[in-house]
């Protein structure tokens, strides 16, 4: 298998759209995350877990019921940046501020 590589500048991570849910359950919001002008991740969820809020990537179930993430950040830095940006956007929405 051939591997192609390209050098790109650091890309900005931002929330394009966020929709807050006001019902019961652990999902608090859905959002779309843009990485630079190259990638749009639709369906990122803000979830209330046992240790607080976190951003969960879109996922789907296999035939056996096992859930798999459809998008996975490849570095801890990118994972942390997505978490930070999504949770910050959610807090702004929850507090009635616009981003």
Protein backbone atom coordinates (compact mmCIF):
# COMPACT_ATOMS: atom_id res chain seq x y z
CA UNK A 1 0.00 0.00 0.00
CA UNK A 2 1.41 3.39 -1.00
CA UNK A 3 1.30 6.27 1.43
CA UNK A 4 1.01 9.87 0.27
CA UNK A 5 2.02 12.65 2.60
CA UNK A 6 1.70 16.41 2.48
CA UNK A 7 2.86 19.13 4.79
CA UNK A 8 0.07 21.46 5.89
CA UNK A 9 -0.01 24.42 8.19
CA UNK A 10 -1.66 24.09 11.59
CA UNK A 11 -5.41 24.14 10.94
CA UNK A 12 -7.96 26.08 12.94
CA UNK A 13 -10.59 23.99 14.74
CA UNK A 14 -14.00 25.61 15.17
CA UNK A 15 -17.64 24.72 15.73
CA UNK A 16 -19.73 25.63 12.69
CA UNK A 17 -23.15 24.76 14.10
CA UNK A 18 -24.39 23.64 17.50
CA UNK A 19 -27.86 22.52 18.57
CA UNK A 20 -28.67 22.10 22.26
CA UNK A 21 -30.98 19.32 23.44
CA UNK A 22 -33.23 20.03 26.42
CA UNK A 23 -34.53 16.54 27.09
CA UNK A 24 -33.53 13.76 29.42
CA UNK A 25 -30.59 11.52 28.72
CA UNK A 26 -26.87 12.10 28.55
CA UNK A 27 -26.60 13.86 25.18
CA UNK A 28 -26.61 17.63 25.72
CA UNK A 29 -25.96 18.89 22.17
CA UNK A 30 -24.97 18.04 18.61
CA UNK A 31 -22.50 20.08 16.59
CA UNK A 32 -20.49 20.22 13.39
CA UNK A 33 -16.73 20.76 13.74
CA UNK A 34 -14.65 22.32 10.96
CA UNK A 35 -10.92 21.68 10.77
CA UNK A 36 -9.34 24.35 8.62
CA UNK A 37 -11.05 24.68 5.27
CA UNK A 38 -10.49 21.00 4.60
CA UNK A 39 -12.65 18.80 6.85
CA UNK A 40 -16.17 19.04 8.31
CA UNK A 41 -17.12 16.52 11.00
CA UNK A 42 -20.91 16.33 11.30
CA UNK A 43 -22.69 14.89 14.31
CA UNK A 44 -20.20 15.45 17.14
CA UNK A 45 -22.09 15.01 20.42
CA UNK A 46 -21.68 16.81 23.74
CA UNK A 47 -22.25 14.10 26.35
CA UNK A 48 -22.68 14.29 30.14
CA UNK A 49 -20.54 11.45 31.47
CA UNK A 50 -19.68 10.28 34.98
CA UNK A 51 -16.67 12.63 35.00
CA UNK A 52 -18.39 15.60 33.35
CA UNK A 53 -18.96 16.85 29.83
CA UNK A 54 -17.01 15.55 26.84
CA UNK A 55 -17.20 15.66 23.04
CA UNK A 56 -17.96 12.32 21.38
CA UNK A 57 -17.23 11.69 17.73
CA UNK A 58 -19.92 10.39 15.37
CA UNK A 59 -20.23 6.61 15.47
CA UNK A 60 -22.20 3.72 14.05
CA UNK A 61 -23.10 0.24 15.20
CA UNK A 62 -21.82 -2.93 13.56
CA UNK A 63 -24.12 -5.90 12.90
CA UNK A 64 -23.22 -7.34 16.31
CA UNK A 65 -24.17 -4.10 18.12
CA UNK A 66 -20.59 -2.92 18.76
CA UNK A 67 -20.20 0.84 18.31
CA UNK A 68 -17.30 2.29 16.29
CA UNK A 69 -16.17 5.90 15.99
CA UNK A 70 -16.36 7.13 12.40
CA UNK A 71 -13.74 9.82 13.04
CA UNK A 72 -10.70 9.50 15.27
CA UNK A 73 -8.14 12.25 16.00
CA UNK A 74 -4.69 10.77 15.43
CA UNK A 75 -2.85 12.88 18.00
CA UNK A 76 -3.53 13.75 21.62
CA UNK A 77 -3.11 17.42 20.73
CA UNK A 78 -5.86 17.32 18.09
CA UNK A 79 -8.14 15.34 20.42
CA UNK A 80 -7.60 17.92 23.18
CA UNK A 81 -8.21 20.83 20.79
CA UNK A 82 -11.49 19.36 19.52
CA UNK A 83 -12.62 18.73 23.11
CA UNK A 84 -11.70 22.30 24.13
CA UNK A 85 -13.40 24.00 21.19
CA UNK A 86 -16.61 21.92 21.37
CA UNK A 87 -17.02 22.30 25.13
CA UNK A 88 -16.30 26.03 24.95
CA UNK A 89 -18.98 26.45 22.25
CA UNK A 90 -21.43 24.44 24.36
CA UNK A 91 -20.75 26.56 27.45
CA UNK A 92 -21.32 29.74 25.43
CA UNK A 93 -24.61 28.33 24.15
CA UNK A 94 -25.68 27.18 27.63
CA UNK A 95 -24.89 30.62 29.08
CA UNK A 96 -26.78 32.39 26.30
CA UNK A 97 -23.66 33.91 24.73
CA UNK A 98 -23.03 33.70 21.00
CA UNK A 99 -19.57 32.68 19.76
